C-alpha atoms as a PDB file:
ATOM      1  CA  MET A   1       0.000   0.000   0.000  1.00  0.00           C
ATOM      2  CA  GLN A   2       1.110   3.545  -0.707  1.00  0.00           C
ATOM      3  CA  SER A   3       0.079   6.894   0.700  1.00  0.00           C
ATOM      4  CA  THR A   4      -1.979   9.225  -1.442  1.00  0.00           C
ATOM      5  CA  SER A   5       0.574  11.962  -0.796  1.00  0.00           C
ATOM      6  CA  HIS A   6       0.939  14.109  -3.895  1.00  0.00           C
ATOM      7  CA  LYS A   7       4.697  14.322  -3.263  1.00  0.00           C
ATOM      8  CA  ALA A   8       5.214  10.689  -4.242  1.00  0.00           C
ATOM      9  CA  THR A   9       7.081   9.569  -7.343  1.00  0.00           C
ATOM     10  CA  PRO A  10       4.982   7.463  -9.730  1.00  0.00           C
ATOM     11  CA  VAL A  11       5.397   3.743  -9.161  1.00  0.00           C
ATOM     12  CA  HIS A  12       4.313   3.006 -12.734  1.00  0.00           C
ATOM     13  CA  LEU A  13       5.082   5.489 -15.510  1.00  0.00           C
ATOM     14  CA  ALA A  14       3.664   4.951 -19.006  1.00  0.00           C
ATOM     15  CA  ILE A  15       4.598   6.904 -22.130  1.00  0.00           C
ATOM     16  CA  ILE A  16       2.904   7.182 -25.523  1.00  0.00           C
ATOM     17  CA  MET A  17       5.889   8.037 -27.699  1.00  0.00           C
ATOM     18  CA  ASP A  18       4.264  10.149 -30.404  1.00  0.00           C
ATOM     19  CA  GLY A  19       5.650  12.468 -33.046  1.00  0.00           C
ATOM     20  CA  ASN A  20       8.503  10.620 -34.754  1.00  0.00           C
ATOM     21  CA  GLY A  21       7.057  10.994 -38.254  1.00  0.00           C
ATOM     22  CA  ARG A  22       6.124  14.652 -37.827  1.00  0.00           C
ATOM     23  CA  TRP A  23       9.540  15.393 -36.343  1.00  0.00           C
ATOM     24  CA  ALA A  24      11.135  13.968 -39.493  1.00  0.00           C
ATOM     25  CA  ALA A  25       8.724  15.775 -41.838  1.00  0.00           C
ATOM     26  CA  GLN A  26       9.521  19.123 -40.200  1.00  0.00           C
ATOM     27  CA  ARG A  27      13.163  18.541 -41.092  1.00  0.00           C
ATOM     28  CA  GLY A  28      12.608  17.238 -44.596  1.00  0.00           C
ATOM     29  CA  LEU A  29      13.725  13.756 -43.569  1.00  0.00           C
ATOM     30  CA  PRO A  30      12.122  10.371 -44.307  1.00  0.00           C
ATOM     31  CA  ARG A  31       9.871   9.027 -41.553  1.00  0.00           C
ATOM     32  CA  SER A  32      12.335   6.221 -40.937  1.00  0.00           C
ATOM     33  CA  GLN A  33      14.853   8.775 -39.670  1.00  0.00           C
ATOM     34  CA  GLY A  34      12.272  10.031 -37.216  1.00  0.00           C
ATOM     35  CA  HIS A  35      11.759   6.510 -35.886  1.00  0.00           C
ATOM     36  CA  ARG A  36      15.509   6.025 -35.482  1.00  0.00           C
ATOM     37  CA  ALA A  37      15.805   9.315 -33.647  1.00  0.00           C
ATOM     38  CA  GLY A  38      12.941   8.154 -31.444  1.00  0.00           C
ATOM     39  CA  ALA A  39      14.800   4.934 -30.651  1.00  0.00           C
ATOM     40  CA  ARG A  40      17.764   6.962 -29.423  1.00  0.00           C
ATOM     41  CA  THR A  41      15.406   8.935 -27.201  1.00  0.00           C
ATOM     42  CA  ILE A  42      14.159   5.694 -25.666  1.00  0.00           C
ATOM     43  CA  SER A  43      17.670   4.871 -24.473  1.00  0.00           C
ATOM     44  CA  ARG A  44      18.068   8.295 -22.846  1.00  0.00           C
ATOM     45  CA  ILE A  45      14.662   8.271 -21.171  1.00  0.00           C
ATOM     46  CA  VAL A  46      15.004   4.711 -19.896  1.00  0.00           C
ATOM     47  CA  GLU A  47      18.296   5.613 -18.228  1.00  0.00           C
ATOM     48  CA  ALA A  48      16.737   8.755 -16.750  1.00  0.00           C
ATOM     49  CA  ALA A  49      13.767   6.768 -15.439  1.00  0.00           C
ATOM     50  CA  ALA A  50      16.063   4.127 -13.974  1.00  0.00           C
ATOM     51  CA  ALA A  51      17.746   6.871 -11.951  1.00  0.00           C
ATOM     52  CA  GLN A  52      14.390   7.780 -10.373  1.00  0.00           C
ATOM     53  CA  PRO A  53      12.489   5.712  -7.779  1.00  0.00           C
ATOM     54  CA  ILE A  54      10.202   4.394 -10.524  1.00  0.00           C
ATOM     55  CA  ALA A  55       9.402   0.683 -10.426  1.00  0.00           C
ATOM     56  CA  SER A  56       7.818   0.180 -13.858  1.00  0.00           C
ATOM     57  CA  LEU A  57       8.037   2.002 -17.200  1.00  0.00           C
ATOM     58  CA  THR A  58       5.768   0.995 -20.079  1.00  0.00           C
ATOM     59  CA  LEU A  59       6.422   2.427 -23.550  1.00  0.00           C
ATOM     60  CA  TYR A  60       3.886   2.335 -26.392  1.00  0.00           C
ATOM     61  CA  ALA A  61       5.978   1.457 -29.435  1.00  0.00           C
ATOM     62  CA  PHE A  62       3.492  -0.040 -31.930  1.00  0.00           C
ATOM     63  CA  SER A  63      -0.263  -0.369 -31.616  1.00  0.00           C
ATOM     64  CA  ALA A  64      -2.394  -3.059 -33.231  1.00  0.00           C
ATOM     65  CA  ASP A  65      -3.825  -0.310 -35.445  1.00  0.00           C
ATOM     66  CA  ASN A  66      -0.359   0.665 -36.675  1.00  0.00           C
ATOM     67  CA  TRP A  67      -0.421  -2.302 -39.062  1.00  0.00           C
ATOM     68  CA  ARG A  68      -2.515   0.000 -41.277  1.00  0.00           C
ATOM     69  CA  ARG A  69       0.524   2.102 -42.041  1.00  0.00           C
ATOM     70  CA  PRO A  70       2.348   1.682 -45.378  1.00  0.00           C
ATOM     71  CA  GLU A  71       4.088  -1.688 -45.510  1.00  0.00           C
ATOM     72  CA  PRO A  72       7.608  -0.255 -46.049  1.00  0.00           C
ATOM     73  CA  GLU A  73       7.264   1.825 -42.875  1.00  0.00           C
ATOM     74  CA  VAL A  74       5.968  -1.156 -40.896  1.00  0.00           C
ATOM     75  CA  GLN A  75       8.838  -3.327 -42.088  1.00  0.00           C
ATOM     76  CA  GLU A  76      11.330  -0.620 -41.153  1.00  0.00           C
ATOM     77  CA  LEU A  77       9.811  -0.398 -37.681  1.00  0.00           C
ATOM     78  CA  MET A  78       9.987  -4.153 -37.179  1.00  0.00           C
ATOM     79  CA  LEU A  79      13.663  -4.165 -38.134  1.00  0.00           C
ATOM     80  CA  LEU A  80      14.261  -1.248 -35.801  1.00  0.00           C
ATOM     81  CA  PHE A  81      12.531  -3.036 -32.912  1.00  0.00           C
ATOM     82  CA  ARG A  82      14.752  -6.071 -33.384  1.00  0.00           C
ATOM     83  CA  GLU A  83      17.855  -3.901 -33.619  1.00  0.00           C
ATOM     84  CA  TYR A  84      16.896  -1.963 -30.512  1.00  0.00           C
ATOM     85  CA  LEU A  85      16.099  -5.021 -28.389  1.00  0.00           C
ATOM     86  CA  LEU A  86      19.352  -6.784 -29.206  1.00  0.00           C
ATOM     87  CA  GLY A  87      21.383  -3.591 -28.931  1.00  0.00           C
ATOM     88  CA  GLU A  88      20.020  -2.646 -25.504  1.00  0.00           C
ATOM     89  CA  ILE A  89      20.669  -5.922 -23.724  1.00  0.00           C
ATOM     90  CA  GLY A  90      24.048  -4.828 -22.379  1.00  0.00           C
ATOM     91  CA  ARG A  91      22.717  -1.449 -21.222  1.00  0.00           C
ATOM     92  CA  CYS A  92      19.759  -3.076 -19.479  1.00  0.00           C
ATOM     93  CA  VAL A  93      21.949  -5.602 -17.704  1.00  0.00           C
ATOM     94  CA  SER A  94      24.406  -2.915 -16.571  1.00  0.00           C
ATOM     95  CA  HIS A  95      21.549  -0.810 -15.166  1.00  0.00           C
ATOM     96  CA  ASP A  96      19.780  -3.810 -13.574  1.00  0.00           C
ATOM     97  CA  ILE A  97      16.749  -3.324 -15.849  1.00  0.00           C
ATOM     98  CA  ARG A  98      14.323  -6.157 -16.565  1.00  0.00           C
ATOM     99  CA  LEU A  99      12.911  -5.855 -20.083  1.00  0.00           C
ATOM    100  CA  SER A 100       9.753  -7.478 -21.397  1.00  0.00           C
ATOM    101  CA  VAL A 101       7.561  -6.996 -24.463  1.00  0.00           C
ATOM    102  CA  ILE A 102       3.777  -6.930 -24.113  1.00  0.00           C
ATOM    103  CA  GLY A 103       1.234  -7.423 -26.881  1.00  0.00           C
ATOM    104  CA  ARG A 104       0.524 -10.023 -29.523  1.00  0.00           C
ATOM    105  CA  ARG A 105       3.391 -12.031 -30.961  1.00  0.00           C
ATOM    106  CA  ASP A 106       1.734 -14.226 -33.554  1.00  0.00           C
ATOM    107  CA  ARG A 107       1.892 -11.441 -36.167  1.00  0.00           C
ATOM    108  CA  LEU A 108       5.549 -10.637 -35.517  1.00  0.00           C
ATOM    109  CA  SER A 109       8.338 -12.107 -37.620  1.00  0.00           C
ATOM    110  CA  LEU A 110      10.319 -15.053 -36.320  1.00  0.00           C
ATOM    111  CA  PRO A 111      13.549 -12.991 -36.091  1.00  0.00           C
ATOM    112  CA  LEU A 112      11.760 -10.336 -34.011  1.00  0.00           C
ATOM    113  CA  ARG A 113      10.202 -12.959 -31.746  1.00  0.00           C
ATOM    114  CA  ALA A 114      13.637 -14.510 -31.283  1.00  0.00           C
ATOM    115  CA  ALA A 115      15.084 -11.094 -30.370  1.00  0.00           C
ATOM    116  CA  ILE A 116      12.306 -10.587 -27.818  1.00  0.00           C
ATOM    117  CA  ALA A 117      13.009 -13.964 -26.232  1.00  0.00           C
ATOM    118  CA  THR A 118      16.744 -13.250 -26.150  1.00  0.00           C
ATOM    119  CA  ALA A 119      16.316  -9.827 -24.535  1.00  0.00           C
ATOM    120  CA  GLU A 120      13.802 -11.074 -21.978  1.00  0.00           C
ATOM    121  CA  LYS A 121      15.971 -14.026 -20.991  1.00  0.00           C
ATOM    122  CA  ALA A 122      19.151 -11.961 -20.751  1.00  0.00           C
ATOM    123  CA  THR A 123      17.546  -9.330 -18.513  1.00  0.00           C
ATOM    124  CA  ALA A 124      15.272 -11.583 -16.457  1.00  0.00           C
ATOM    125  CA  GLY A 125      17.424 -11.146 -13.359  1.00  0.00           C
ATOM    126  CA  GLY A 126      17.128  -7.360 -13.344  1.00  0.00           C
ATOM    127  CA  ALA A 127      16.001  -6.128  -9.936  1.00  0.00           C
ATOM    128  CA  GLY A 128      15.794  -2.435 -10.787  1.00  0.00           C
ATOM    129  CA  LEU A 129      13.482  -0.750 -13.268  1.00  0.00           C
ATOM    130  CA  ARG A 130      10.934  -2.970 -14.957  1.00  0.00           C
ATOM    131  CA  LEU A 131      10.811  -1.867 -18.612  1.00  0.00           C
ATOM    132  CA  ARG A 132       7.851  -3.000 -20.703  1.00  0.00           C
ATOM    133  CA  ILE A 133       7.651  -2.217 -24.417  1.00  0.00           C
ATOM    134  CA  ALA A 134       4.229  -2.568 -26.054  1.00  0.00           C
ATOM    135  CA  ILE A 135       4.442  -3.946 -29.608  1.00  0.00           C
ATOM    136  CA  ASP A 136       1.342  -4.966 -31.581  1.00  0.00           C
ATOM    137  CA  TYR A 137      -0.637  -3.971 -28.523  1.00  0.00           C
ATOM    138  CA  SER A 138      -4.336  -3.196 -28.118  1.00  0.00           C
ATOM    139  CA  SER A 139      -5.747  -2.711 -24.643  1.00  0.00           C
ATOM    140  CA  ARG A 140      -9.302  -3.396 -25.788  1.00  0.00           C
ATOM    141  CA  ASP A 141      -8.262  -6.630 -27.486  1.00  0.00           C
ATOM    142  CA  ALA A 142      -6.344  -7.713 -24.386  1.00  0.00           C
ATOM    143  CA  ILE A 143      -9.328  -7.004 -22.135  1.00  0.00           C
ATOM    144  CA  LEU A 144     -11.635  -8.913 -24.460  1.00  0.00           C
ATOM    145  CA  LEU A 145      -9.288 -11.899 -24.651  1.00  0.00           C
ATOM    146  CA  ALA A 146      -8.791 -11.929 -20.886  1.00  0.00           C
ATOM    147  CA  ALA A 147     -12.552 -11.905 -20.401  1.00  0.00           C
ATOM    148  CA  THR A 148     -12.933 -14.981 -22.604  1.00  0.00           C
ATOM    149  CA  ARG A 149     -10.373 -16.839 -20.460  1.00  0.00           C
ATOM    150  CA  ARG A 150     -11.860 -16.032 -17.090  1.00  0.00           C
ATOM    151  CA  GLY A 151     -13.062 -19.610 -16.551  1.00  0.00           C
ATOM    152  CA  ARG A 152     -15.111 -20.722 -13.586  1.00  0.00           C
ATOM    153  CA  ASN A 153     -12.481 -20.992 -10.850  1.00  0.00           C
ATOM    154  CA  GLY A 154     -14.256 -18.941  -8.241  1.00  0.00           C
ATOM    155  CA  PRO A 155     -15.411 -15.320  -8.355  1.00  0.00           C
ATOM    156  CA  MET A 156     -13.612 -12.876 -10.611  1.00  0.00           C
ATOM    157  CA  THR A 157     -11.588 -10.241  -8.767  1.00  0.00           C
ATOM    158  CA  ARG A 158      -9.541  -7.348 -10.024  1.00  0.00           C
ATOM    159  CA  ALA A 159      -6.376  -9.204  -9.054  1.00  0.00           C
ATOM    160  CA  ARG A 160      -7.426 -12.295 -11.039  1.00  0.00           C
ATOM    161  CA  PHE A 161      -8.371 -10.194 -14.028  1.00  0.00           C
ATOM    162  CA  ALA A 162      -5.058  -8.325 -13.876  1.00  0.00           C
ATOM    163  CA  ARG A 163      -3.252 -11.674 -13.975  1.00  0.00           C
ATOM    164  CA  LEU A 164      -5.325 -12.707 -17.001  1.00  0.00           C
ATOM    165  CA  LEU A 165      -4.448  -9.437 -18.737  1.00  0.00           C
ATOM    166  CA  ALA A 166      -0.767 -10.071 -18.089  1.00  0.00           C
ATOM    167  CA  GLU A 167      -1.096 -13.621 -19.392  1.00  0.00           C
ATOM    168  CA  VAL A 168      -2.745 -12.669 -22.690  1.00  0.00           C
ATOM    169  CA  SER A 169      -0.191  -9.875 -23.191  1.00  0.00           C
ATOM    170  CA  HIS A 170       2.814 -12.188 -22.630  1.00  0.00           C
ATOM    171  CA  ASP A 171       3.795 -10.328 -19.470  1.00  0.00           C
ATOM    172  CA  PRO A 172       5.430 -12.416 -16.725  1.00  0.00           C
ATOM    173  CA  ASP A 173       3.258 -10.816 -14.038  1.00  0.00           C
ATOM    174  CA  PRO A 174       0.826  -7.909 -13.658  1.00  0.00           C
ATOM    175  CA  ALA A 175       2.303  -4.432 -13.466  1.00  0.00           C
ATOM    176  CA  PRO A 176       1.027  -1.920 -10.913  1.00  0.00           C
ATOM    177  CA  GLU A 177      -1.710   0.419 -12.030  1.00  0.00           C
ATOM    178  CA  VAL A 178      -0.382   3.400 -13.988  1.00  0.00           C
ATOM    179  CA  ASP A 179       0.272   6.488 -11.853  1.00  0.00           C
ATOM    180  CA  LEU A 180       1.395   8.879 -14.582  1.00  0.00           C
ATOM    181  CA  LEU A 181       0.854   8.659 -18.324  1.00  0.00           C
ATOM    182  CA  ILE A 182       2.853  10.982 -20.583  1.00  0.00           C
ATOM    183  CA  ARG A 183       1.986  11.552 -24.229  1.00  0.00           C
ATOM    184  CA  THR A 184       4.322  13.517 -26.476  1.00  0.00           C
ATOM    185  CA  GLY A 185       3.557  15.053 -29.861  1.00  0.00           C
ATOM    186  CA  GLY A 186       0.618  17.259 -28.897  1.00  0.00           C
ATOM    187  CA  GLU A 187      -2.242  14.765 -29.183  1.00  0.00           C
ATOM    188  CA  GLN A 188      -4.439  14.300 -26.114  1.00  0.00           C
ATOM    189  CA  ARG A 189      -5.916  10.798 -26.118  1.00  0.00           C
ATOM    190  CA  LEU A 190      -5.085   7.325 -24.809  1.00  0.00           C
ATOM    191  CA  SER A 191      -5.184   5.549 -28.192  1.00  0.00           C
ATOM    192  CA  ASP A 192      -6.115   2.134 -26.786  1.00  0.00           C
ATOM    193  CA  PHE A 193      -3.154   2.038 -24.390  1.00  0.00           C
ATOM    194  CA  LEU A 194      -3.390   0.436 -20.925  1.00  0.00           C
ATOM    195  CA  LEU A 195      -7.055   1.332 -20.509  1.00  0.00           C
ATOM    196  CA  TRP A 196      -7.558  -0.983 -17.508  1.00  0.00           C
ATOM    197  CA  GLU A 197      -4.350   0.096 -15.819  1.00  0.00           C
ATOM    198  CA  CYS A 198      -4.956   3.835 -16.392  1.00  0.00           C
ATOM    199  CA  ALA A 199      -8.209   4.024 -14.427  1.00  0.00           C
ATOM    200  CA  TYR A 200      -6.724   6.570 -11.992  1.00  0.00           C
ATOM    201  CA  ALA A 201      -3.656   7.671 -13.941  1.00  0.00           C
ATOM    202  CA  GLU A 202      -2.607  11.296 -13.974  1.00  0.00           C
ATOM    203  CA  LEU A 203      -2.313  12.481 -17.589  1.00  0.00           C
ATOM    204  CA  TYR A 204       0.477  14.719 -18.876  1.00  0.00           C
ATOM    205  CA  PHE A 205       0.418  15.953 -22.472  1.00  0.00           C
ATOM    206  CA  THR A 206       3.243  17.824 -24.150  1.00  0.00           C
ATOM    207  CA  ALA A 207       3.602  19.250 -27.656  1.00  0.00           C
ATOM    208  CA  ARG A 208       7.255  18.208 -27.743  1.00  0.00           C
ATOM    209  CA  MET A 209       7.856  15.510 -30.336  1.00  0.00           C
ATOM    210  CA  TRP A 210       9.252  12.259 -28.983  1.00  0.00           C
ATOM    211  CA  PRO A 211      12.720  12.558 -30.611  1.00  0.00           C
ATOM    212  CA  ASP A 212      13.126  15.916 -28.807  1.00  0.00           C
ATOM    213  CA  PHE A 213      11.852  14.652 -25.449  1.00  0.00           C
ATOM    214  CA  ALA A 214      14.805  14.896 -23.089  1.00  0.00           C
ATOM    215  CA  PRO A 215      15.541  13.751 -19.523  1.00  0.00           C
ATOM    216  CA  GLY A 216      14.799  17.312 -18.403  1.00  0.00           C
ATOM    217  CA  ASP A 217      11.314  17.002 -19.894  1.00  0.00           C
ATOM    218  CA  LEU A 218      10.812  13.797 -17.951  1.00  0.00           C
ATOM    219  CA  ILE A 219      11.837  15.521 -14.723  1.00  0.00           C
ATOM    220  CA  HIS A 220       9.378  18.330 -15.467  1.00  0.00           C
ATOM    221  CA  ALA A 221       6.569  15.795 -15.962  1.00  0.00           C
ATOM    222  CA  LEU A 222       7.475  14.109 -12.672  1.00  0.00           C
ATOM    223  CA  GLU A 223       7.439  17.471 -10.900  1.00  0.00           C
ATOM    224  CA  SER A 224       3.995  18.154 -12.350  1.00  0.00           C
ATOM    225  CA  PHE A 225       2.846  14.783 -11.039  1.00  0.00           C
ATOM    226  CA  ARG A 226       4.168  15.494  -7.557  1.00  0.00           C
ATOM    227  CA  ALA A 227       2.329  18.816  -7.492  1.00  0.00           C
ATOM    228  CA  ARG A 228      -1.050  17.176  -8.054  1.00  0.00           C
ATOM    229  CA  GLN A 229      -3.393  16.006  -5.320  1.00  0.00           C
ATOM    230  CA  ARG A 230      -4.517  12.447  -5.924  1.00  0.00           C
ATOM    231  CA  ARG A 231      -7.609  11.519  -3.932  1.00  0.00           C
ATOM    232  CA  PHE A 232      -8.882   8.342  -5.656  1.00  0.00           C
ATOM    233  CA  GLY A 233     -12.483   9.223  -4.881  1.00  0.00           C
ATOM    234  CA  SER A 234     -11.903  10.485  -1.333  1.00  0.00           C
ATOM    235  CA  LEU A 235     -12.436  14.056  -0.110  1.00  0.00           C
ATOM    236  CA  PRO A 236      -9.708  16.713   0.163  1.00  0.00           C
ATOM    237  CA  GLY A 237      -7.862  16.303   3.445  1.00  0.00           C
ATOM    238  CA  GLN A 238      -9.314  12.855   4.062  1.00  0.00           C
ATOM    239  CA  VAL A 239      -6.740  10.439   5.426  1.00  0.00           C
ATOM    240  CA  GLY A 240      -6.495   7.276   3.384  1.00  0.00           C
ATOM    241  CA  VAL A 241      -4.248   4.911   1.561  1.00  0.00           C
ATOM    242  CA  ARG A 242      -4.016   3.859  -2.054  1.00  0.00           C
ATOM    243  CA  LEU A 243      -4.204   0.119  -2.548  1.00  0.00           C
ATOM    244  CA  ARG A 244      -1.548  -0.625  -5.110  1.00  0.00           C
ATOM    245  CA  ALA A 245      -2.720  -4.156  -5.776  1.00  0.00           C
ATOM    246  CA  ALA A 246      -5.015  -4.617  -8.744  1.00  0.00           C
ATOM    247  CA  GLY A 247      -7.241  -6.739  -6.524  1.00  0.00           C
ATOM    248  CA  GLU A 248      -8.458  -3.898  -4.330  1.00  0.00           C
ATOM    249  CA  PRO A 249     -12.223  -4.143  -3.632  1.00  0.00           C
END
């Protein structure tokens, strides 16, 4: 359990990394260069997050709806994901980061699936930041699939459902509910990302494109979070605690 104090650092930070393509277009570059610049930003932000008392960081890399993009761009992204996962193993291990990929895997290429398995195995012992990267992810699809697997083994609880969500998303175990969700690029919507987990998330939107998002921007978002009063349905000044477990009544 954790106090509702607004001075706390988010236990679970989630980021919708938006704006790579527009960042490239503004500079007269191909979209692929924007995605590569965005990948470099991931490395910087992950290190910055690992230096904070943040337990979990979930990054939205590729939604289920992103398959609608032009095939050359999708193929470039898939190659970039594989390159990133394999290239970051050493950094994750050195920073005690445990990496996992959530989302569907049946539509991913065999080389990408192999890279995911390699990265997850190599970093499984990480006891620091838990880094989750969402690839081919749809929160609505995950909720629907989890609901179909609920079975008849006793009453459904939030904790049980959270475990089912983790299972269908290939996550080793449920992550805490999201405390702070950041979206870059100027858009202000959730875009089918962690809908169950974001029930009480604080939302932070910035016009800064993801490739330009720097560790200083992350610190500013965290400061904004700490300045907010989170009541979770209680009254101002009411003493209470926030149940971190997904199985709270």
